[in-house]
């Protein structure tokens, strides 16, 4: 039986620890479609807010003030 390349062993170990599919993009996309969840790495950190720096509370349409 042939030995496994140490770089491949490390890559397999890393994918198992992170619970990512080990394979190419096409394989990962097929697994994600079957499982209905992501099988690869995600962006790190909290998602950014879409309207950063803008408060909806201060928009004139949301104040509901009576006409003068």
Protein backbone atom coordinates (compact mmCIF):
# COMPACT_ATOMS: atom_id res chain seq x y z
CA UNK A 1 0.00 0.00 0.00
CA UNK A 2 1.36 3.40 -0.94
CA UNK A 3 1.94 6.06 1.68
CA UNK A 4 -0.02 9.29 1.76
CA UNK A 5 1.79 12.55 1.11
CA UNK A 6 2.31 14.42 4.45
CA UNK A 7 0.92 17.63 2.87
CA UNK A 8 -2.28 15.76 1.95
CA UNK A 9 -2.55 14.37 5.49
CA UNK A 10 -2.27 17.88 6.93
CA UNK A 11 -4.86 19.22 4.49
CA UNK A 12 -7.30 16.40 5.30
CA UNK A 13 -6.77 16.95 9.04
CA UNK A 14 -7.43 20.70 8.67
CA UNK A 15 -10.65 20.11 6.70
CA UNK A 16 -11.90 17.58 9.24
CA UNK A 17 -11.19 19.88 12.20
CA UNK A 18 -13.07 22.74 10.54
CA UNK A 19 -15.86 20.47 9.22
CA UNK A 20 -15.27 21.56 5.62
CA UNK A 21 -15.68 19.31 2.60
CA UNK A 22 -12.33 18.08 1.26
CA UNK A 23 -12.34 18.44 -2.51
CA UNK A 24 -12.62 20.90 -5.34
CA UNK A 25 -15.18 23.68 -5.77
CA UNK A 26 -17.47 21.52 -7.88
CA UNK A 27 -17.51 18.77 -5.23
CA UNK A 28 -18.14 21.29 -2.42
CA UNK A 29 -21.04 22.87 -4.35
CA UNK A 30 -22.62 19.44 -4.88
CA UNK A 31 -22.33 18.63 -1.16
CA UNK A 32 -23.80 22.03 -0.21
CA UNK A 33 -26.76 21.44 -2.56
CA UNK A 34 -27.43 18.00 -1.06
CA UNK A 35 -27.08 19.11 2.57
CA UNK A 36 -28.71 22.51 2.25
CA UNK A 37 -25.88 24.17 4.19
CA UNK A 38 -22.41 25.53 3.55
CA UNK A 39 -19.56 23.02 3.45
CA UNK A 40 -16.67 25.44 3.07
CA UNK A 41 -15.07 28.35 4.88
CA UNK A 42 -17.13 31.44 5.63
CA UNK A 43 -16.09 35.06 5.95
CA UNK A 44 -14.77 35.80 9.41
CA UNK A 45 -16.58 38.31 11.61
CA UNK A 46 -19.99 39.84 11.92
CA UNK A 47 -21.86 40.82 8.74
CA UNK A 48 -21.77 44.52 7.96
CA UNK A 49 -24.89 46.62 8.30
CA UNK A 50 -26.36 47.71 4.99
CA UNK A 51 -27.21 51.31 6.00
CA UNK A 52 -24.16 52.03 8.09
CA UNK A 53 -24.16 55.53 9.56
CA UNK A 54 -27.79 56.23 8.68
CA UNK A 55 -30.47 56.11 11.32
CA UNK A 56 -34.02 55.36 10.25
CA UNK A 57 -35.34 57.18 13.32
CA UNK A 58 -34.20 60.57 12.03
CA UNK A 59 -35.71 60.32 8.56
CA UNK A 60 -38.61 62.80 8.14
CA UNK A 61 -40.93 60.08 6.80
CA UNK A 62 -40.69 58.16 10.07
CA UNK A 63 -41.39 61.08 12.44
CA UNK A 64 -45.19 61.16 11.94
CA UNK A 65 -45.47 64.83 12.88
CA UNK A 66 -48.74 66.72 12.31
CA UNK A 67 -48.83 69.27 9.48
CA UNK A 68 -48.51 72.91 10.61
